[in-house]
Protein backbone atom coordinates (compact mmCIF):
# COMPACT_ATOMS: atom_id res chain seq x y z
CA UNK A 1 0.00 0.00 0.00
CA UNK A 2 1.38 3.40 -0.97
CA UNK A 3 2.30 6.13 1.49
CA UNK A 4 -0.43 8.31 -0.05
CA UNK A 5 -3.09 5.67 0.62
CA UNK A 6 -1.86 5.25 4.19
CA UNK A 7 -2.07 9.01 4.72
CA UNK A 8 -5.62 9.05 3.34
CA UNK A 9 -6.69 6.22 5.65
CA UNK A 10 -5.21 8.02 8.64
CA UNK A 11 -6.93 11.28 7.70
CA UNK A 12 -10.31 9.54 7.42
CA UNK A 13 -9.89 7.61 10.66
CA UNK A 14 -8.80 10.68 12.62
CA UNK A 15 -11.48 12.97 11.18
CA UNK A 16 -14.45 13.86 13.42
CA UNK A 17 -16.59 13.27 10.32
CA UNK A 18 -15.00 10.31 8.49
CA UNK A 19 -17.88 10.02 6.00
CA UNK A 20 -17.36 13.60 4.84
CA UNK A 21 -13.62 13.04 4.50
CA UNK A 22 -14.27 9.84 2.54
CA UNK A 23 -16.81 11.51 0.23
CA UNK A 24 -14.19 14.09 -0.79
CA UNK A 25 -12.02 11.38 -2.37
CA UNK A 26 -12.03 10.87 -6.13
CA UNK A 27 -14.52 8.10 -7.02
CA UNK A 28 -11.88 5.84 -8.51
CA UNK A 29 -10.03 5.72 -5.18
CA UNK A 30 -12.95 5.07 -2.85
CA UNK A 31 -13.22 1.32 -3.27
CA UNK A 32 -9.58 0.58 -2.41
CA UNK A 33 -9.52 3.05 0.46
CA UNK A 34 -12.79 1.87 2.02
CA UNK A 35 -11.86 -1.81 2.19
CA UNK A 36 -8.43 -0.94 3.59
CA UNK A 37 -9.94 0.96 6.54
CA UNK A 38 -10.29 -0.63 10.00
CA UNK A 39 -13.64 -2.25 10.75
CA UNK A 40 -14.85 0.50 13.10
CA UNK A 41 -13.93 3.23 10.61
CA UNK A 42 -15.69 1.44 7.74
CA UNK A 43 -18.83 1.34 9.83
CA UNK A 44 -18.54 5.05 10.65
CA UNK A 45 -18.09 5.91 6.97
CA UNK A 46 -21.01 3.76 5.80
CA UNK A 47 -23.43 4.99 8.46
CA UNK A 48 -22.31 8.60 8.07
CA UNK A 49 -23.04 8.86 4.36
CA UNK A 50 -26.48 9.99 3.23
CA UNK A 51 -28.51 7.87 0.82
CA UNK A 52 -27.29 9.57 -2.37
CA UNK A 53 -23.63 9.31 -1.31
CA UNK A 54 -24.10 5.66 -0.43
CA UNK A 55 -25.79 4.91 -3.76
CA UNK A 56 -22.98 6.64 -5.64
CA UNK A 57 -20.38 4.67 -3.73
CA UNK A 58 -21.91 1.19 -4.15
CA UNK A 59 -22.90 1.66 -7.80
CA UNK A 60 -19.58 0.40 -9.29
CA UNK A 61 -18.97 -2.28 -6.63
CA UNK A 62 -19.35 -6.02 -7.11
CA UNK A 63 -22.38 -7.63 -5.39
CA UNK A 64 -20.29 -9.16 -2.61
CA UNK A 65 -18.68 -5.77 -1.94
CA UNK A 66 -22.09 -4.09 -1.91
CA UNK A 67 -23.16 -6.70 0.62
CA UNK A 68 -20.23 -5.82 2.87
CA UNK A 69 -21.02 -2.10 2.73
CA UNK A 70 -24.76 -2.48 3.33
CA UNK A 71 -24.08 -4.77 6.26
CA UNK A 72 -23.11 -1.65 8.25
CA UNK A 73 -26.28 0.38 7.70
CA UNK A 74 -29.79 0.09 9.12
CA UNK A 75 -32.51 -1.86 7.33
CA UNK A 76 -34.36 1.21 6.06
CA UNK A 77 -31.25 2.66 4.41
CA UNK A 78 -30.32 -0.76 3.04
CA UNK A 79 -33.71 -1.20 1.38
CA UNK A 80 -33.58 2.31 -0.07
CA UNK A 81 -30.15 1.71 -1.63
CA UNK A 82 -31.14 -1.72 -2.94
CA UNK A 83 -34.12 -0.14 -4.71
CA UNK A 84 -31.69 1.91 -6.79
CA UNK A 85 -29.80 -1.14 -8.08
CA UNK A 86 -30.71 -2.99 -11.24
CA UNK A 87 -32.78 -6.12 -10.74
CA UNK A 88 -29.96 -8.60 -11.31
CA UNK A 89 -27.57 -6.98 -8.83
CA UNK A 90 -30.36 -6.41 -6.31
CA UNK A 91 -31.24 -10.11 -6.35
CA UNK A 92 -27.60 -11.09 -5.84
CA UNK A 93 -27.09 -8.66 -2.97
CA UNK A 94 -30.32 -9.73 -1.26
CA UNK A 95 -29.24 -13.34 -1.65
CA UNK A 96 -25.81 -12.65 -0.07
CA UNK A 97 -27.32 -10.56 2.73
CA UNK A 98 -29.41 -13.54 3.81
CA UNK A 99 -26.31 -15.39 5.07
CA UNK A 100 -24.18 -15.02 8.18
CA UNK A 101 -21.24 -12.75 7.24
CA UNK A 102 -18.93 -14.93 9.38
CA UNK A 103 -19.78 -18.09 7.44
CA UNK A 104 -18.58 -19.55 4.16
CA UNK A 105 -21.60 -18.03 2.40
CA UNK A 106 -20.68 -14.66 3.83
CA UNK A 107 -17.30 -14.83 2.07
CA UNK A 108 -18.37 -16.29 -1.26
CA UNK A 109 -19.07 -14.48 -4.52
CA UNK A 110 -21.54 -15.36 -7.28
CA UNK A 111 -19.02 -15.16 -10.11
CA UNK A 112 -19.46 -18.74 -11.33
CA UNK A 113 -21.38 -20.81 -13.86
CA UNK A 114 -22.29 -24.48 -13.68
CA UNK A 115 -22.29 -26.66 -16.77
CA UNK A 116 -23.23 -30.29 -17.26
CA UNK A 117 -20.42 -32.74 -17.91
CA UNK A 118 -21.96 -33.66 -21.25
CA UNK A 119 -21.80 -30.14 -22.70
CA UNK A 120 -19.42 -29.32 -25.52
CA UNK A 121 -16.61 -26.78 -25.29
CA UNK A 122 -18.52 -24.58 -27.73
CA UNK A 123 -21.57 -24.53 -25.46
CA UNK A 124 -19.48 -23.80 -22.40
CA UNK A 125 -17.68 -20.95 -24.18
CA UNK A 126 -21.01 -19.40 -25.11
CA UNK A 127 -22.22 -19.71 -21.52
CA UNK A 128 -19.11 -17.96 -20.23
CA UNK A 129 -19.38 -15.22 -22.87
CA UNK A 130 -22.95 -14.42 -21.87
CA UNK A 131 -21.97 -14.27 -18.20
CA UNK A 132 -19.12 -11.86 -18.95
CA UNK A 133 -21.38 -9.62 -21.04
CA UNK A 134 -24.00 -9.51 -18.32
CA UNK A 135 -21.73 -9.00 -15.30
CA UNK A 136 -18.36 -7.80 -16.59
CA UNK A 137 -16.71 -10.61 -14.55
CA UNK A 138 -14.87 -13.74 -15.64
CA UNK A 139 -16.67 -16.68 -13.99
CA UNK A 140 -15.32 -19.80 -12.39
CA UNK A 141 -16.63 -22.80 -14.36
CA UNK A 142 -17.95 -25.66 -12.24
CA UNK A 143 -18.78 -28.95 -13.97
CA UNK A 144 -21.55 -31.10 -12.56
CA UNK A 145 -23.07 -34.48 -13.26
CA UNK A 146 -26.63 -34.14 -12.12
CA UNK A 147 -26.39 -33.12 -8.47
CA UNK A 148 -22.71 -34.07 -8.12
CA UNK A 149 -19.93 -31.47 -8.39
CA UNK A 150 -17.15 -33.02 -10.48
CA UNK A 151 -14.65 -30.18 -10.40
CA UNK A 152 -13.57 -26.93 -12.03
CA UNK A 153 -12.87 -26.40 -15.71
CA UNK A 154 -9.94 -23.96 -16.06
CA UNK A 155 -10.73 -21.07 -18.38
CA UNK A 156 -7.58 -21.72 -20.37
CA UNK A 157 -9.00 -25.08 -21.45
CA UNK A 158 -11.59 -23.29 -23.59
CA UNK A 159 -8.90 -22.00 -25.89
CA UNK A 160 -6.50 -24.97 -26.02
CA UNK A 161 -8.78 -28.01 -25.94
CA UNK A 162 -9.62 -30.00 -29.06
CA UNK A 163 -13.27 -29.94 -30.09
CA UNK A 164 -13.38 -33.73 -29.97
CA UNK A 165 -12.36 -33.83 -26.30
CA UNK A 166 -14.74 -33.97 -23.36
CA UNK A 167 -14.72 -31.17 -20.83
CA UNK A 168 -14.21 -33.81 -18.14
CA UNK A 169 -10.75 -34.48 -19.61
CA UNK A 170 -9.61 -31.06 -18.36
CA UNK A 171 -11.23 -30.99 -14.93
CA UNK A 172 -9.36 -29.82 -11.86
CA UNK A 173 -10.46 -31.17 -8.49
CA UNK A 174 -12.23 -28.49 -6.49
CA UNK A 175 -12.49 -28.52 -2.67
CA UNK A 176 -15.88 -27.61 -1.26
CA UNK A 177 -17.43 -26.43 1.98
CA UNK A 178 -21.01 -26.10 3.21
CA UNK A 179 -22.45 -22.60 3.15
CA UNK A 180 -23.06 -22.47 6.94
CA UNK A 181 -19.53 -23.44 8.00
CA UNK A 182 -17.57 -20.85 9.97
CA UNK A 183 -14.62 -18.88 8.62
CA UNK A 184 -12.17 -21.11 10.47
CA UNK A 185 -13.37 -24.20 8.61
CA UNK A 186 -13.06 -22.37 5.29
CA UNK A 187 -9.47 -21.52 6.17
CA UNK A 188 -8.78 -25.14 7.09
CA UNK A 189 -10.07 -26.27 3.69
CA UNK A 190 -7.80 -23.73 2.03
CA UNK A 191 -4.77 -24.86 4.05
CA UNK A 192 -5.32 -28.49 3.02
CA UNK A 193 -5.61 -27.66 -0.67
CA UNK A 194 -3.50 -25.71 -3.09
CA UNK A 195 -6.38 -24.97 -5.48
CA UNK A 196 -7.24 -21.33 -6.06
CA UNK A 197 -11.00 -21.72 -5.54
CA UNK A 198 -13.38 -23.38 -3.10
CA UNK A 199 -16.97 -24.22 -4.01
CA UNK A 200 -19.71 -23.35 -1.51
CA UNK A 201 -22.53 -25.90 -1.40
CA UNK A 202 -26.04 -25.90 0.09
CA UNK A 203 -27.72 -28.72 2.06
CA UNK A 204 -28.37 -30.65 -1.17
CA UNK A 205 -24.77 -30.19 -2.40
CA UNK A 206 -25.79 -27.75 -5.12
CA UNK A 207 -23.33 -24.93 -5.82
CA UNK A 208 -24.25 -21.66 -4.10
CA UNK A 209 -21.12 -19.65 -4.77
CA UNK A 210 -17.36 -19.62 -5.04
CA UNK A 211 -14.59 -18.45 -2.75
CA UNK A 212 -11.40 -17.30 -4.43
CA UNK A 213 -7.88 -17.40 -3.05
CA UNK A 214 -7.76 -13.64 -2.49
CA UNK A 215 -10.90 -13.86 -0.33
CA UNK A 216 -9.29 -16.62 1.72
CA UNK A 217 -6.05 -14.70 2.06
CA UNK A 218 -8.06 -11.80 3.48
CA UNK A 219 -9.55 -14.22 6.01
CA UNK A 220 -6.07 -15.43 6.93
CA UNK A 221 -4.94 -11.85 7.54
CA UNK A 222 -7.98 -11.21 9.71
CA UNK A 223 -7.47 -14.45 11.64
CA UNK A 224 -3.81 -13.64 12.24
CA UNK A 225 -4.72 -10.17 13.46
CA UNK A 226 -7.45 -11.60 15.69
CA UNK A 227 -5.02 -14.05 17.29
CA UNK A 228 -2.49 -11.30 17.89
CA UNK A 229 -5.09 -9.03 19.47
CA UNK A 230 -6.49 -11.81 21.67
CA UNK A 231 -3.00 -12.82 22.74
CA UNK A 232 -2.51 -9.37 24.30
CA UNK A 233 -6.05 -8.91 25.58
CA UNK A 234 -6.96 -6.28 22.99
CA UNK A 235 -10.35 -6.33 21.26
CA UNK A 236 -10.30 -7.67 17.72
CA UNK A 237 -12.11 -4.59 16.39
CA UNK A 238 -9.62 -2.13 17.88
CA UNK A 239 -7.54 -0.18 15.43
CA UNK A 240 -4.32 1.72 15.94
CA UNK A 241 -6.22 4.73 14.61
CA UNK A 242 -8.96 4.63 17.28
CA UNK A 243 -9.25 7.57 19.64
CA UNK A 244 -8.32 7.39 23.35
CA UNK A 245 -11.92 7.02 24.56
CA UNK A 246 -12.48 4.00 22.32
CA UNK A 247 -9.18 2.44 23.39
CA UNK A 248 -10.04 2.86 27.08
CA UNK A 249 -13.51 1.35 26.57
CA UNK A 250 -12.09 -1.74 24.91
CA UNK A 251 -9.21 -2.40 27.34
CA UNK A 252 -10.15 -1.41 30.88
CA UNK A 253 -11.81 -4.72 31.81
CA UNK A 254 -8.66 -6.64 30.95
CA UNK A 255 -6.55 -4.24 32.97
CA UNK A 256 -8.86 -4.55 35.99
CA UNK A 257 -8.59 -8.34 35.82
CA UNK A 258 -4.81 -8.08 35.60
CA UNK A 259 -4.86 -5.67 38.54
CA UNK A 260 -6.65 -8.28 40.64
CA UNK A 261 -4.01 -10.90 39.89
CA UNK A 262 -1.26 -8.37 40.64
CA UNK A 263 -2.74 -7.85 44.12
CA UNK A 264 -2.57 -11.61 44.64
CA UNK A 265 1.16 -11.52 43.95
CA UNK A 266 1.52 -8.47 46.20
CA UNK A 267 -0.27 -10.34 49.00
CA UNK A 268 2.24 -13.17 48.77
CA UNK A 269 5.12 -10.70 48.95
CA UNK A 270 3.47 -9.12 52.00
CA UNK A 271 3.65 -12.43 53.83
CA UNK A 272 7.42 -12.18 53.69
CA UNK A 273 7.76 -8.51 54.65
CA UNK A 274 10.04 -9.31 57.59
CA UNK A 275 12.25 -11.50 55.40
CA UNK A 276 12.67 -8.74 52.81
CA UNK A 277 13.36 -6.22 55.58
CA UNK A 278 16.08 -8.45 57.01
CA UNK A 279 17.62 -9.30 53.60
CA UNK A 280 16.90 -6.22 51.50
CA UNK A 281 18.90 -7.50 48.53
CA UNK A 282 16.08 -9.99 47.87
CA UNK A 283 13.94 -7.13 46.52
CA UNK A 284 16.47 -6.58 43.75
CA UNK A 285 16.17 -10.17 42.52
CA UNK A 286 12.39 -10.53 42.77
CA UNK A 287 11.75 -8.92 39.33
CA UNK A 288 14.36 -11.23 37.82
CA UNK A 289 12.63 -14.37 39.09
CA UNK A 290 9.15 -13.11 38.16
CA UNK A 291 10.19 -11.78 34.73
CA UNK A 292 11.95 -14.98 33.69
CA UNK A 293 8.96 -17.05 34.81
CA UNK A 294 6.53 -14.86 32.88
CA UNK A 295 8.59 -14.98 29.70
CA UNK A 296 9.05 -18.75 29.88
CA UNK A 297 5.34 -19.25 30.51
CA UNK A 298 4.45 -17.11 27.51
CA UNK A 299 6.77 -19.17 25.31
CA UNK A 300 5.14 -22.43 26.43
CA UNK A 301 1.68 -20.96 25.95
CA UNK A 302 2.45 -19.73 22.42
CA UNK A 303 3.62 -23.19 21.33
CA UNK A 304 0.63 -24.90 22.94
CA UNK A 305 -1.93 -22.48 21.49
CA UNK A 306 -0.43 -23.02 18.06
CA UNK A 307 -0.74 -26.78 18.54
CA UNK A 308 -4.38 -26.40 19.59
CA UNK A 309 -5.19 -24.22 16.58
CA UNK A 310 -3.63 -26.80 14.23
CA UNK A 311 -5.47 -29.68 15.89
CA UNK A 312 -2.22 -31.28 17.08
CA UNK A 313 -3.03 -31.45 20.80
CA UNK A 314 -5.92 -31.37 23.27
CA UNK A 315 -6.34 -31.84 27.01
CA UNK A 316 -6.94 -35.56 26.49
CA UNK A 317 -3.67 -35.99 24.58
CA UNK A 318 -1.65 -33.22 26.20
CA UNK A 319 0.13 -35.06 29.04
CA UNK A 320 3.29 -35.43 27.02
CA UNK A 321 3.19 -31.79 25.93
CA UNK A 322 2.85 -30.60 29.53
CA UNK A 323 5.64 -32.92 30.68
CA UNK A 324 7.95 -31.80 27.87
CA UNK A 325 7.39 -28.13 28.67
CA UNK A 326 8.03 -28.72 32.38
CA UNK A 327 11.25 -30.61 31.60
CA UNK A 328 12.35 -27.89 29.16
CA UNK A 329 11.61 -25.34 31.90
CA UNK A 330 13.82 -27.25 34.32
CA UNK A 331 16.73 -27.35 31.88
CA UNK A 332 16.36 -23.69 30.96
CA UNK A 333 16.07 -22.91 34.69
CA UNK A 334 19.36 -24.69 35.34
CA UNK A 335 21.07 -22.68 32.62
CA UNK A 336 19.70 -19.27 33.56
CA UNK A 337 19.68 -20.04 37.28
CA UNK A 338 23.37 -20.90 37.21
CA UNK A 339 24.16 -17.59 35.54
CA UNK A 340 22.13 -15.59 38.06
CA UNK A 341 23.59 -17.58 40.96
CA UNK A 342 27.12 -16.74 39.87
CA UNK A 343 26.27 -13.04 39.55
CA UNK A 344 24.48 -12.93 42.93
CA UNK A 345 27.33 -14.77 44.65
CA UNK A 346 29.91 -12.41 43.17
CA UNK A 347 28.08 -9.34 44.48
CA UNK A 348 27.05 -10.72 47.89
CA UNK A 349 29.72 -13.27 48.81
CA UNK A 350 30.96 -11.27 51.77
CA UNK A 351 27.53 -11.23 53.41
CA UNK A 352 25.99 -14.57 52.43
CA UNK A 353 28.71 -16.66 50.84
CA UNK A 354 27.17 -18.93 48.22
CA UNK A 355 23.81 -19.19 49.97
CA UNK A 356 22.11 -16.23 48.25
CA UNK A 357 23.24 -17.42 44.83
CA UNK A 358 22.00 -20.91 45.62
CA UNK A 359 18.59 -19.62 46.72
CA UNK A 360 18.17 -17.58 43.56
CA UNK A 361 19.42 -20.36 41.29
CA UNK A 362 17.12 -23.00 42.79
CA UNK A 363 14.20 -20.54 42.70
CA UNK A 364 14.84 -19.89 39.03
CA UNK A 365 14.69 -23.59 38.25
CA UNK A 366 11.47 -23.99 40.23
CA UNK A 367 9.77 -20.99 38.61
CA UNK A 368 10.65 -22.05 35.08
CA UNK A 369 9.25 -25.52 35.80
CA UNK A 370 6.08 -23.82 37.06
CA UNK A 371 6.05 -21.65 33.93
CA UNK A 372 6.41 -24.60 31.58
CA UNK A 373 3.77 -26.64 33.42
CA UNK A 374 1.11 -23.93 33.60
CA UNK A 375 2.10 -22.45 30.23
CA UNK A 376 1.14 -25.73 28.56
CA UNK A 377 -1.67 -26.88 30.86
CA UNK A 378 -3.65 -23.63 31.10
CA UNK A 379 -4.42 -23.27 27.35
CA UNK A 380 -5.44 -26.93 27.18
CA UNK A 381 -7.85 -26.57 30.13
CA UNK A 382 -9.34 -23.32 28.77
CA UNK A 383 -9.82 -24.91 25.34
CA UNK A 384 -11.54 -27.91 26.95
CA UNK A 385 -13.89 -25.57 28.84
CA UNK A 386 -14.82 -23.80 25.62
CA UNK A 387 -12.83 -20.60 26.17
CA UNK A 388 -10.34 -19.13 23.73
CA UNK A 389 -6.93 -19.86 25.31
CA UNK A 390 -5.27 -17.03 23.40
CA UNK A 391 -7.56 -14.51 25.11
CA UNK A 392 -7.17 -15.31 28.79
CA UNK A 393 -4.35 -17.83 29.30
CA UNK A 394 -1.67 -15.17 29.84
CA UNK A 395 -3.46 -13.82 32.91
CA UNK A 396 -3.59 -17.20 34.64
CA UNK A 397 -0.04 -18.14 33.65
CA UNK A 398 1.42 -14.86 34.88
CA UNK A 399 -0.51 -15.25 38.13
CA UNK A 400 0.92 -18.76 38.63
CA UNK A 401 4.51 -17.73 37.94
CA UNK A 402 4.29 -14.61 40.11
CA UNK A 403 2.42 -16.08 43.09
CA UNK A 404 4.12 -19.48 43.19
CA UNK A 405 7.48 -18.03 42.12
CA UNK A 406 7.52 -15.43 44.89
CA UNK A 407 6.23 -17.99 47.39
CA UNK A 408 9.05 -20.40 46.57
CA UNK A 409 11.79 -17.74 46.31
CA UNK A 410 10.96 -15.85 49.50
CA UNK A 411 10.07 -18.99 51.43
CA UNK A 412 13.37 -20.61 50.53
CA UNK A 413 15.20 -17.39 51.40
CA UNK A 414 13.56 -17.29 54.84
CA UNK A 415 14.49 -20.90 55.47
CA UNK A 416 18.11 -20.62 54.30
CA UNK A 417 19.23 -17.06 54.96
CA UNK A 418 17.58 -16.26 58.29
């Protein structure tokens, strides 16, 4: 995306009247700019335009794009704009609007034709030509045998095939998905197949529409962004261009929950107030123990969440995963704990000898085992309970490493150093 387009997006998003800012763009630029805007800004633009502006904007769009735009406006406005479309486009848009936008049907387009396996290449070419004249789009050609979808006929075959050949001689296998399947299942079909199109079928396995690779790639981008947002406790709809009020509204609940867990860790530290007062140097190493545990737990969680998303592991089959992460935590704890122990001993040998270094080193091993164990187990439990592990696992893992880590570190220090 060009710097100019990025500047335009930012200007629209930051404007108190984004619809007015959008309407001032040249018509040829509006389509690309609109669909590059964040979700919340697209909604503000669509709902902020009056009927005539909205009609002007959607007039050159494809039916599936019109469907996306009209999905943001109220029913009265939607009906008014649909009335201004020609009958063919209006029927297509109404058809697409009847489906869940988060399903396979919500992603599909209607740029396809179906032909019987017994048709000649000449008949198929004529069918494609009529479709192009009527819609201005090049259709995907699906070949059927009665109610059965046989595959896709590449457009290039129309120009290179011999007239004596059957169209079935040039078929390419086409993956399919039911119209009511969620976006995630569509993405899974795409990952398992290298074909550039996916057919969308109804309950009777008749073709309803087609999903192209670029539509699926858009879904992949959205899914990646959603995972990243959920991983940090940020709402999926939040954009970097949102104002401060919107950012506060979307985040404060997460921060309050994190605040509660922080008080739990503080309460544990309070139990050892006399120990810290007697050995003040312990306060300097507490962030080291907690920080290493949190980072190790996040690493374990990231690997486990990825395994869950790919269907590689579940709570029922996750014992080995949890054990491996705990063992890896122990080994990493030995490595990092030894380094910290040497540093602590070098600075405090005159007061504590090797005891302080030993306490910190052993505590590091224990906390990284805790981090590996809970980093792997927590996402598996949350997934089993029906919660998204990417959304909330970090809170529970950080709580475990802070509370149990401080409890072990300060408890061991009280037992050994006092």
